[in-house]
């Protein structure tokens, strides 16, 4: 059994995705659960975590209604909103919050127990210190108080702010997406130290995800496997989780090769350690705290 801890679903006809420019034209189309099922059909993936791809609470509501194999949603709320705690309660299906809402909203959140985390695309913010802003820190504290994880989508530019946020919210659970997005093609010399900085914080988990696309179109000639292994070396298998980053990953190759490349890179791990990376860490980080069974 494998849990894919990071993928997306979207339909650009429903709402704009500002980051979808000409460079990603091949994925500027609808990807739904049927596409996901087809992509994973010949693999051992049995459950998945779908992750927001735009700053839009309506997208989160849509994701919360998706069927199997989706078992958890990392959604989006406006962390800077004064009523962020109420917004989280609504998405989590808090009874009093639902009673105060209209019938349409109540219907949208009827499956909200599958909300497992929140993410904001901080890498796209003009301010590299966005994550360290007091209003953002306040919002992430509300995320932690709600029992949810917070996913960090950052590159080297946002790394100091990410550290500041984690230190400011020691009670939170954090997940670093895509191994901090190393510049593999350029030979990112500072990447391992950035990973070590975050690994020193015991409340941070790291996703072994997105590495093929970060390596570029000639990823087969790049040391992608080394980066995957180093994530597990630095964080340990119990704090490392596999994610496909599908369908973004299709810019590099198909789902099966993404999974197979990661499995090959970690083939020398023990059975228990491989199970942690490909299942156990996702369960402990996202699903068990919300009481979700797989």
C-alpha atoms as a PDB file:
ATOM      1  CA  UNK A   1       0.000   0.000   0.000  1.00  0.00           C
ATOM      2  CA  UNK A   2       1.299   3.440  -1.003  1.00  0.00           C
ATOM      3  CA  UNK A   3      -0.114   6.815  -0.053  1.00  0.00           C
ATOM      4  CA  UNK A   4       0.615   9.640  -2.463  1.00  0.00           C
ATOM      5  CA  UNK A   5       0.995  12.611  -0.112  1.00  0.00           C
ATOM      6  CA  UNK A   6       0.932  15.302  -2.784  1.00  0.00           C
ATOM      7  CA  UNK A   7      -1.021  15.683  -5.986  1.00  0.00           C
ATOM      8  CA  UNK A   8      -3.489  18.129  -7.518  1.00  0.00           C
ATOM      9  CA  UNK A   9      -6.841  18.181  -9.281  1.00  0.00           C
ATOM     10  CA  UNK A  10      -8.042  21.169 -11.283  1.00  0.00           C
ATOM     11  CA  UNK A  11     -10.122  22.529 -14.111  1.00  0.00           C
ATOM     12  CA  UNK A  12      -8.927  25.870 -15.515  1.00  0.00           C
ATOM     13  CA  UNK A  13     -12.396  26.325 -16.998  1.00  0.00           C
ATOM     14  CA  UNK A  14     -13.780  26.662 -13.451  1.00  0.00           C
ATOM     15  CA  UNK A  15     -11.365  29.299 -12.156  1.00  0.00           C
ATOM     16  CA  UNK A  16      -8.087  30.948 -13.206  1.00  0.00           C
ATOM     17  CA  UNK A  17      -4.771  29.488 -12.081  1.00  0.00           C
ATOM     18  CA  UNK A  18      -2.410  32.471 -12.374  1.00  0.00           C
ATOM     19  CA  UNK A  19       0.742  30.356 -12.406  1.00  0.00           C
ATOM     20  CA  UNK A  20      -0.375  28.444 -15.505  1.00  0.00           C
ATOM     21  CA  UNK A  21       1.551  30.282 -18.197  1.00  0.00           C
ATOM     22  CA  UNK A  22       2.835  29.120 -21.583  1.00  0.00           C
ATOM     23  CA  UNK A  23       5.636  27.158 -19.935  1.00  0.00           C
ATOM     24  CA  UNK A  24       3.072  24.701 -18.528  1.00  0.00           C
ATOM     25  CA  UNK A  25       0.625  24.745 -21.433  1.00  0.00           C
ATOM     26  CA  UNK A  26       0.585  20.938 -21.518  1.00  0.00           C
ATOM     27  CA  UNK A  27      -1.186  20.782 -18.144  1.00  0.00           C
ATOM     28  CA  UNK A  28      -3.498  23.753 -18.671  1.00  0.00           C
ATOM     29  CA  UNK A  29      -6.551  21.494 -18.869  1.00  0.00           C
ATOM     30  CA  UNK A  30      -8.903  19.566 -16.623  1.00  0.00           C
ATOM     31  CA  UNK A  31      -7.416  16.822 -14.447  1.00  0.00           C
ATOM     32  CA  UNK A  32     -10.038  15.000 -12.386  1.00  0.00           C
ATOM     33  CA  UNK A  33     -10.333  11.889 -10.242  1.00  0.00           C
ATOM     34  CA  UNK A  34     -10.930   9.677 -13.253  1.00  0.00           C
ATOM     35  CA  UNK A  35      -7.610  10.879 -14.669  1.00  0.00           C
ATOM     36  CA  UNK A  36      -5.968  10.190 -11.305  1.00  0.00           C
ATOM     37  CA  UNK A  37      -7.381   6.687 -11.178  1.00  0.00           C
ATOM     38  CA  UNK A  38      -6.106   6.000 -14.679  1.00  0.00           C
ATOM     39  CA  UNK A  39      -2.651   7.337 -13.796  1.00  0.00           C
ATOM     40  CA  UNK A  40      -2.365   5.174 -10.672  1.00  0.00           C
ATOM     41  CA  UNK A  41      -4.106   2.080 -12.065  1.00  0.00           C
ATOM     42  CA  UNK A  42      -0.970  -0.036 -12.464  1.00  0.00           C
ATOM     43  CA  UNK A  43       0.670   1.073  -9.220  1.00  0.00           C
ATOM     44  CA  UNK A  44       0.291   0.185  -5.543  1.00  0.00           C
ATOM     45  CA  UNK A  45      -1.114   3.637  -4.716  1.00  0.00           C
ATOM     46  CA  UNK A  46      -4.376   3.135  -2.819  1.00  0.00           C
ATOM     47  CA  UNK A  47      -4.912   6.532  -1.155  1.00  0.00           C
ATOM     48  CA  UNK A  48      -3.931  10.117  -1.891  1.00  0.00           C
ATOM     49  CA  UNK A  49      -3.704  13.613  -0.414  1.00  0.00           C
ATOM     50  CA  UNK A  50      -4.866  16.328  -2.815  1.00  0.00           C
ATOM     51  CA  UNK A  51      -3.280  19.765  -2.410  1.00  0.00           C
ATOM     52  CA  UNK A  52      -4.626  23.211  -3.310  1.00  0.00           C
ATOM     53  CA  UNK A  53      -3.256  24.893  -6.418  1.00  0.00           C
ATOM     54  CA  UNK A  54      -4.816  28.352  -6.201  1.00  0.00           C
ATOM     55  CA  UNK A  55      -5.687  30.875  -3.479  1.00  0.00           C
ATOM     56  CA  UNK A  56      -9.417  30.234  -3.592  1.00  0.00           C
ATOM     57  CA  UNK A  57     -11.618  28.802  -0.835  1.00  0.00           C
ATOM     58  CA  UNK A  58     -14.076  27.584  -3.478  1.00  0.00           C
ATOM     59  CA  UNK A  59     -11.363  25.294  -4.853  1.00  0.00           C
ATOM     60  CA  UNK A  60     -10.904  23.871  -1.356  1.00  0.00           C
ATOM     61  CA  UNK A  61     -14.646  23.244  -1.085  1.00  0.00           C
ATOM     62  CA  UNK A  62     -14.536  21.410  -4.410  1.00  0.00           C
ATOM     63  CA  UNK A  63     -11.581  19.283  -3.326  1.00  0.00           C
ATOM     64  CA  UNK A  64     -13.390  18.355  -0.118  1.00  0.00           C
ATOM     65  CA  UNK A  65     -16.054  16.666  -2.205  1.00  0.00           C
ATOM     66  CA  UNK A  66     -13.734  14.394  -4.193  1.00  0.00           C
ATOM     67  CA  UNK A  67     -14.144  10.598  -4.007  1.00  0.00           C
ATOM     68  CA  UNK A  68     -11.580   7.826  -3.534  1.00  0.00           C
ATOM     69  CA  UNK A  69      -8.699   7.457  -3.804  1.00  0.00           C
ATOM     70  CA  UNK A  70      -8.579  10.953  -2.251  1.00  0.00           C
ATOM     71  CA  UNK A  71      -8.647  10.626   1.544  1.00  0.00           C
ATOM     72  CA  UNK A  72      -7.286  14.012   2.613  1.00  0.00           C
ATOM     73  CA  UNK A  73      -7.235  17.618   1.436  1.00  0.00           C
ATOM     74  CA  UNK A  74      -4.597  20.277   1.989  1.00  0.00           C
ATOM     75  CA  UNK A  75      -6.699  23.321   1.263  1.00  0.00           C
ATOM     76  CA  UNK A  76      -6.459  27.096   1.367  1.00  0.00           C
ATOM     77  CA  UNK A  77      -7.880  29.840   3.568  1.00  0.00           C
ATOM     78  CA  UNK A  78      -6.889  33.471   3.852  1.00  0.00           C
ATOM     79  CA  UNK A  79      -4.443  33.237   6.732  1.00  0.00           C
ATOM     80  CA  UNK A  80      -4.495  37.001   7.168  1.00  0.00           C
ATOM     81  CA  UNK A  81      -8.282  37.223   7.585  1.00  0.00           C
ATOM     82  CA  UNK A  82      -9.422  38.375  11.060  1.00  0.00           C
ATOM     83  CA  UNK A  83     -11.921  35.482  11.108  1.00  0.00           C
ATOM     84  CA  UNK A  84      -9.476  32.794   9.973  1.00  0.00           C
ATOM     85  CA  UNK A  85     -10.390  30.541  12.917  1.00  0.00           C
ATOM     86  CA  UNK A  86     -14.060  30.683  11.932  1.00  0.00           C
ATOM     87  CA  UNK A  87     -13.210  29.924   8.312  1.00  0.00           C
ATOM     88  CA  UNK A  88     -11.226  26.873   9.395  1.00  0.00           C
ATOM     89  CA  UNK A  89     -14.084  25.745  11.635  1.00  0.00           C
ATOM     90  CA  UNK A  90     -16.439  25.982   8.683  1.00  0.00           C
ATOM     91  CA  UNK A  91     -14.184  23.857   6.480  1.00  0.00           C
ATOM     92  CA  UNK A  92     -13.769  21.348   9.289  1.00  0.00           C
ATOM     93  CA  UNK A  93     -17.519  21.044   9.634  1.00  0.00           C
ATOM     94  CA  UNK A  94     -17.885  22.644  13.073  1.00  0.00           C
ATOM     95  CA  UNK A  95     -21.564  22.229  13.977  1.00  0.00           C
ATOM     96  CA  UNK A  96     -22.211  25.749  15.238  1.00  0.00           C
ATOM     97  CA  UNK A  97     -20.441  27.232  12.240  1.00  0.00           C
ATOM     98  CA  UNK A  98     -22.576  25.162   9.873  1.00  0.00           C
ATOM     99  CA  UNK A  99     -25.743  26.263  11.596  1.00  0.00           C
ATOM    100  CA  UNK A 100     -24.763  29.871  11.004  1.00  0.00           C
ATOM    101  CA  UNK A 101     -24.107  29.240   7.322  1.00  0.00           C
ATOM    102  CA  UNK A 102     -26.485  29.012   4.402  1.00  0.00           C
ATOM    103  CA  UNK A 103     -27.638  25.682   3.022  1.00  0.00           C
ATOM    104  CA  UNK A 104     -25.277  25.860   0.022  1.00  0.00           C
ATOM    105  CA  UNK A 105     -22.271  26.320   2.292  1.00  0.00           C
ATOM    106  CA  UNK A 106     -23.432  23.502   4.579  1.00  0.00           C
ATOM    107  CA  UNK A 107     -23.605  21.197   1.574  1.00  0.00           C
ATOM    108  CA  UNK A 108     -20.089  22.151   0.443  1.00  0.00           C
ATOM    109  CA  UNK A 109     -18.542  21.303   3.809  1.00  0.00           C
ATOM    110  CA  UNK A 110     -20.464  18.087   4.362  1.00  0.00           C
ATOM    111  CA  UNK A 111     -17.315  16.078   3.605  1.00  0.00           C
ATOM    112  CA  UNK A 112     -14.974  18.448   5.421  1.00  0.00           C
ATOM    113  CA  UNK A 113     -13.582  15.898   7.930  1.00  0.00           C
ATOM    114  CA  UNK A 114     -11.148  15.024   5.143  1.00  0.00           C
ATOM    115  CA  UNK A 115      -9.480  18.441   5.510  1.00  0.00           C
ATOM    116  CA  UNK A 116      -5.993  17.631   6.818  1.00  0.00           C
ATOM    117  CA  UNK A 117      -3.951  20.766   6.194  1.00  0.00           C
ATOM    118  CA  UNK A 118      -3.638  24.264   4.780  1.00  0.00           C
ATOM    119  CA  UNK A 119      -1.197  25.685   2.248  1.00  0.00           C
ATOM    120  CA  UNK A 120      -0.419  29.069   0.743  1.00  0.00           C
ATOM    121  CA  UNK A 121       1.820  29.425  -2.315  1.00  0.00           C
ATOM    122  CA  UNK A 122       4.343  31.595  -0.514  1.00  0.00           C
ATOM    123  CA  UNK A 123       6.871  31.141  -3.319  1.00  0.00           C
ATOM    124  CA  UNK A 124       4.624  33.343  -5.469  1.00  0.00           C
ATOM    125  CA  UNK A 125       4.353  36.211  -2.990  1.00  0.00           C
ATOM    126  CA  UNK A 126       6.334  39.349  -3.951  1.00  0.00           C
ATOM    127  CA  UNK A 127       7.491  39.655  -0.336  1.00  0.00           C
ATOM    128  CA  UNK A 128      10.066  36.939   0.471  1.00  0.00           C
ATOM    129  CA  UNK A 129       9.290  37.453   4.172  1.00  0.00           C
ATOM    130  CA  UNK A 130       5.549  36.896   3.744  1.00  0.00           C
ATOM    131  CA  UNK A 131       5.535  33.781   5.934  1.00  0.00           C
ATOM    132  CA  UNK A 132       7.086  35.688   8.839  1.00  0.00           C
ATOM    133  CA  UNK A 133       4.530  38.513   8.827  1.00  0.00           C
ATOM    134  CA  UNK A 134       2.643  38.810  12.145  1.00  0.00           C
ATOM    135  CA  UNK A 135      -0.765  38.384  10.508  1.00  0.00           C
ATOM    136  CA  UNK A 136       0.403  35.235   8.722  1.00  0.00           C
ATOM    137  CA  UNK A 137       1.927  33.808  11.901  1.00  0.00           C
ATOM    138  CA  UNK A 138      -1.393  34.470  13.654  1.00  0.00           C
ATOM    139  CA  UNK A 139      -3.197  32.578  10.897  1.00  0.00           C
ATOM    140  CA  UNK A 140      -0.849  29.599  11.081  1.00  0.00           C
ATOM    141  CA  UNK A 141      -1.352  29.474  14.841  1.00  0.00           C
ATOM    142  CA  UNK A 142      -5.060  29.135  14.108  1.00  0.00           C
ATOM    143  CA  UNK A 143      -4.247  26.279  11.692  1.00  0.00           C
ATOM    144  CA  UNK A 144      -2.282  24.519  14.447  1.00  0.00           C
ATOM    145  CA  UNK A 145      -5.054  25.112  16.990  1.00  0.00           C
ATOM    146  CA  UNK A 146      -7.497  23.466  14.578  1.00  0.00           C
ATOM    147  CA  UNK A 147      -5.323  20.338  14.524  1.00  0.00           C
ATOM    148  CA  UNK A 148      -4.227  20.801  10.916  1.00  0.00           C
ATOM    149  CA  UNK A 149      -0.815  20.692   9.266  1.00  0.00           C
ATOM    150  CA  UNK A 150       0.656  23.633   7.390  1.00  0.00           C
ATOM    151  CA  UNK A 151       2.443  22.935   4.105  1.00  0.00           C
ATOM    152  CA  UNK A 152       5.460  25.111   3.281  1.00  0.00           C
ATOM    153  CA  UNK A 153       5.838  25.829  -0.439  1.00  0.00           C
ATOM    154  CA  UNK A 154       9.144  27.682  -0.522  1.00  0.00           C
ATOM    155  CA  UNK A 155      12.362  28.020  -2.443  1.00  0.00           C
ATOM    156  CA  UNK A 156      15.720  29.311  -1.187  1.00  0.00           C
ATOM    157  CA  UNK A 157      14.391  32.891  -1.256  1.00  0.00           C
ATOM    158  CA  UNK A 158      11.666  32.157   1.313  1.00  0.00           C
ATOM    159  CA  UNK A 159      13.746  29.825   3.487  1.00  0.00           C
ATOM    160  CA  UNK A 160      14.573  32.346   6.268  1.00  0.00           C
ATOM    161  CA  UNK A 161      10.910  33.288   6.623  1.00  0.00           C
ATOM    162  CA  UNK A 162       9.904  29.624   6.724  1.00  0.00           C
ATOM    163  CA  UNK A 163      12.344  29.028   9.572  1.00  0.00           C
ATOM    164  CA  UNK A 164      11.005  32.059  11.410  1.00  0.00           C
ATOM    165  CA  UNK A 165       7.430  30.802  11.027  1.00  0.00           C
ATOM    166  CA  UNK A 166       8.242  27.302  12.296  1.00  0.00           C
ATOM    167  CA  UNK A 167      10.047  28.784  15.291  1.00  0.00           C
ATOM    168  CA  UNK A 168       7.140  31.136  15.995  1.00  0.00           C
ATOM    169  CA  UNK A 169       4.605  28.267  16.000  1.00  0.00           C
ATOM    170  CA  UNK A 170       6.366  25.398  17.818  1.00  0.00           C
ATOM    171  CA  UNK A 171       3.021  23.735  18.498  1.00  0.00           C
ATOM    172  CA  UNK A 172       2.325  23.393  14.770  1.00  0.00           C
ATOM    173  CA  UNK A 173       2.958  20.532  12.354  1.00  0.00           C
ATOM    174  CA  UNK A 174       4.738  21.607   9.181  1.00  0.00           C
ATOM    175  CA  UNK A 175       5.360  19.825   5.880  1.00  0.00           C
ATOM    176  CA  UNK A 176       8.021  21.056   3.469  1.00  0.00           C
ATOM    177  CA  UNK A 177       6.786  20.534  -0.079  1.00  0.00           C
ATOM    178  CA  UNK A 178       9.021  19.299  -2.884  1.00  0.00           C
ATOM    179  CA  UNK A 179      12.153  19.106  -0.705  1.00  0.00           C
ATOM    180  CA  UNK A 180      12.338  22.892  -0.640  1.00  0.00           C
ATOM    181  CA  UNK A 181      12.446  23.048  -4.465  1.00  0.00           C
ATOM    182  CA  UNK A 182      16.203  22.715  -5.035  1.00  0.00           C
ATOM    183  CA  UNK A 183      17.716  24.121  -8.207  1.00  0.00           C
ATOM    184  CA  UNK A 184      18.982  20.718  -9.310  1.00  0.00           C
ATOM    185  CA  UNK A 185      20.037  21.818 -12.783  1.00  0.00           C
ATOM    186  CA  UNK A 186      22.328  24.477 -11.287  1.00  0.00           C
ATOM    187  CA  UNK A 187      23.711  22.172  -8.602  1.00  0.00           C
ATOM    188  CA  UNK A 188      22.098  23.869  -5.591  1.00  0.00           C
ATOM    189  CA  UNK A 189      25.062  23.976  -3.199  1.00  0.00           C
ATOM    190  CA  UNK A 190      23.105  25.496  -0.318  1.00  0.00           C
ATOM    191  CA  UNK A 191      20.199  23.066  -0.472  1.00  0.00           C
ATOM    192  CA  UNK A 192      21.412  20.422   1.984  1.00  0.00           C
ATOM    193  CA  UNK A 193      22.097  23.066   4.622  1.00  0.00           C
ATOM    194  CA  UNK A 194      18.589  24.452   4.134  1.00  0.00           C
ATOM    195  CA  UNK A 195      17.233  20.949   4.663  1.00  0.00           C
ATOM    196  CA  UNK A 196      19.365  20.539   7.771  1.00  0.00           C
ATOM    197  CA  UNK A 197      18.065  23.852   9.131  1.00  0.00           C
ATOM    198  CA  UNK A 198      14.490  22.615   8.895  1.00  0.00           C
ATOM    199  CA  UNK A 199      15.284  19.074  10.015  1.00  0.00           C
ATOM    200  CA  UNK A 200      16.581  20.539  13.296  1.00  0.00           C
ATOM    201  CA  UNK A 201      12.962  21.475  13.989  1.00  0.00           C
ATOM    202  CA  UNK A 202      11.279  18.207  15.047  1.00  0.00           C
ATOM    203  CA  UNK A 203       7.831  19.402  13.942  1.00  0.00           C
ATOM    204  CA  UNK A 204       8.824  19.552  10.252  1.00  0.00           C
ATOM    205  CA  UNK A 205       8.294  16.716   7.760  1.00  0.00           C
ATOM    206  CA  UNK A 206       9.647  16.785   4.199  1.00  0.00           C
ATOM    207  CA  UNK A 207       8.056  15.531   0.998  1.00  0.00           C
ATOM    208  CA  UNK A 208      10.147  13.582  -1.491  1.00  0.00           C
ATOM    209  CA  UNK A 209       8.236  15.139  -4.359  1.00  0.00           C
ATOM    210  CA  UNK A 210       8.543  17.448  -7.328  1.00  0.00           C
ATOM    211  CA  UNK A 211      12.198  16.628  -7.940  1.00  0.00           C
ATOM    212  CA  UNK A 212      11.878  15.548 -11.571  1.00  0.00           C
ATOM    213  CA  UNK A 213      10.268  18.783 -12.656  1.00  0.00           C
ATOM    214  CA  UNK A 214      12.713  20.833 -10.578  1.00  0.00           C
ATOM    215  CA  UNK A 215      15.537  19.075 -12.441  1.00  0.00           C
ATOM    216  CA  UNK A 216      14.178  20.218 -15.805  1.00  0.00           C
ATOM    217  CA  UNK A 217      13.416  18.463 -19.090  1.00  0.00           C
ATOM    218  CA  UNK A 218      16.734  16.594 -19.040  1.00  0.00           C
ATOM    219  CA  UNK A 219      16.067  15.251 -15.545  1.00  0.00           C
ATOM    220  CA  UNK A 220      17.375  11.792 -16.469  1.00  0.00           C
ATOM    221  CA  UNK A 221      20.845  13.348 -16.775  1.00  0.00           C
ATOM    222  CA  UNK A 222      20.569  15.065 -13.377  1.00  0.00           C
ATOM    223  CA  UNK A 223      21.227  13.588  -9.890  1.00  0.00           C
ATOM    224  CA  UNK A 224      17.558  13.351  -8.966  1.00  0.00           C
ATOM    225  CA  UNK A 225      18.064  10.093  -7.064  1.00  0.00           C
ATOM    226  CA  UNK A 226      20.761  11.682  -4.903  1.00  0.00           C
ATOM    227  CA  UNK A 227      18.416  14.487  -3.878  1.00  0.00           C
ATOM    228  CA  UNK A 228      15.709  11.966  -2.972  1.00  0.00           C
ATOM    229  CA  UNK A 229      18.152   9.949  -0.876  1.00  0.00           C
ATOM    230  CA  UNK A 230      19.489  13.040   0.854  1.00  0.00           C
ATOM    231  CA  UNK A 231      16.009  14.085   1.948  1.00  0.00           C
ATOM    232  CA  UNK A 232      15.650  10.772   3.755  1.00  0.00           C
ATOM    233  CA  UNK A 233      19.200  10.986   5.126  1.00  0.00           C
ATOM    234  CA  UNK A 234      18.610  14.443   6.578  1.00  0.00           C
ATOM    235  CA  UNK A 235      15.042  14.071   7.856  1.00  0.00           C
ATOM    236  CA  UNK A 236      14.959  10.333   8.446  1.00  0.00           C
ATOM    237  CA  UNK A 237      12.337   8.010   6.934  1.00  0.00           C
ATOM    238  CA  UNK A 238       9.802   8.739   9.684  1.00  0.00           C
ATOM    239  CA  UNK A 239       9.796  12.402   8.620  1.00  0.00           C
ATOM    240  CA  UNK A 240       9.918  11.859   4.847  1.00  0.00           C
ATOM    241  CA  UNK A 241       6.887  11.233   2.638  1.00  0.00           C
ATOM    242  CA  UNK A 242       6.481  10.371  -1.028  1.00  0.00           C
ATOM    243  CA  UNK A 243       4.429  12.680  -3.236  1.00  0.00           C
ATOM    244  CA  UNK A 244       3.949  12.448  -6.991  1.00  0.00           C
ATOM    245  CA  UNK A 245       3.142  16.122  -7.645  1.00  0.00           C
ATOM    246  CA  UNK A 246       0.865  14.807 -10.391  1.00  0.00           C
ATOM    247  CA  UNK A 247      -0.206  16.279 -12.818  1.00  0.00           C
ATOM    248  CA  UNK A 248       2.629  18.842 -12.672  1.00  0.00           C
ATOM    249  CA  UNK A 249       4.947  15.834 -12.838  1.00  0.00           C
ATOM    250  CA  UNK A 250       3.581  14.934 -16.270  1.00  0.00           C
ATOM    251  CA  UNK A 251       5.688  17.793 -17.621  1.00  0.00           C
ATOM    252  CA  UNK A 252       8.598  15.395 -17.021  1.00  0.00           C
ATOM    253  CA  UNK A 253       7.131  11.907 -17.388  1.00  0.00           C
ATOM    254  CA  UNK A 254       4.167   9.714 -16.482  1.00  0.00           C
ATOM    255  CA  UNK A 255       2.977   8.809 -12.982  1.00  0.00           C
ATOM    256  CA  UNK A 256       4.449   5.317 -12.958  1.00  0.00           C
ATOM    257  CA  UNK A 257       7.947   6.567 -13.787  1.00  0.00           C
ATOM    258  CA  UNK A 258       7.800   9.239 -11.085  1.00  0.00           C
ATOM    259  CA  UNK A 259       6.902   6.573  -8.534  1.00  0.00           C
ATOM    260  CA  UNK A 260       9.397   4.050  -9.917  1.00  0.00           C
ATOM    261  CA  UNK A 261      12.242   6.579  -9.968  1.00  0.00           C
ATOM    262  CA  UNK A 262      11.604   7.413  -6.311  1.00  0.00           C
ATOM    263  CA  UNK A 263      11.369   3.743  -5.345  1.00  0.00           C
ATOM    264  CA  UNK A 264      14.621   2.979  -7.144  1.00  0.00           C
ATOM    265  CA  UNK A 265      16.367   5.884  -5.423  1.00  0.00           C
ATOM    266  CA  UNK A 266      15.327   4.516  -2.017  1.00  0.00           C
ATOM    267  CA  UNK A 267      15.676   0.821  -2.809  1.00  0.00           C
ATOM    268  CA  UNK A 268      18.430   0.310  -0.237  1.00  0.00           C
ATOM    269  CA  UNK A 269      16.176   1.292   2.674  1.00  0.00           C
ATOM    270  CA  UNK A 270      14.843  -1.413   4.962  1.00  0.00           C
ATOM    271  CA  UNK A 271      11.273  -2.590   4.457  1.00  0.00           C
ATOM    272  CA  UNK A 272      10.173  -0.622   7.518  1.00  0.00           C
ATOM    273  CA  UNK A 273      11.863   2.551   6.340  1.00  0.00           C
ATOM    274  CA  UNK A 274      10.407   2.270   2.833  1.00  0.00           C
ATOM    275  CA  UNK A 275       6.978   1.769   4.363  1.00  0.00           C
ATOM    276  CA  UNK A 276       7.475   4.957   6.380  1.00  0.00           C
ATOM    277  CA  UNK A 277       8.342   7.026   3.309  1.00  0.00           C
ATOM    278  CA  UNK A 278       5.649   5.584   1.066  1.00  0.00           C
ATOM    279  CA  UNK A 279       2.866   5.265   3.641  1.00  0.00           C
ATOM    280  CA  UNK A 280       3.527   5.676   7.344  1.00  0.00           C
ATOM    281  CA  UNK A 281       4.725   9.283   7.446  1.00  0.00           C
ATOM    282  CA  UNK A 282       1.679  10.461   5.494  1.00  0.00           C
ATOM    283  CA  UNK A 283      -0.608   8.598   7.888  1.00  0.00           C
ATOM    284  CA  UNK A 284       1.034  10.046  10.998  1.00  0.00           C
ATOM    285  CA  UNK A 285       1.320  13.561   9.617  1.00  0.00           C
ATOM    286  CA  UNK A 286      -1.971  14.056   7.821  1.00  0.00           C
ATOM    287  CA  UNK A 287      -4.463  11.289   8.479  1.00  0.00           C
ATOM    288  CA  UNK A 288      -4.081   9.969  12.038  1.00  0.00           C
ATOM    289  CA  UNK A 289      -4.482  13.434  13.645  1.00  0.00           C
ATOM    290  CA  UNK A 290      -7.844  13.783  11.854  1.00  0.00           C
ATOM    291  CA  UNK A 291      -8.934  10.222  12.657  1.00  0.00           C
ATOM    292  CA  UNK A 292      -8.981   9.205   8.984  1.00  0.00           C
ATOM    293  CA  UNK A 293      -8.676   5.499   8.261  1.00  0.00           C
ATOM    294  CA  UNK A 294      -7.158   4.065   5.079  1.00  0.00           C
END
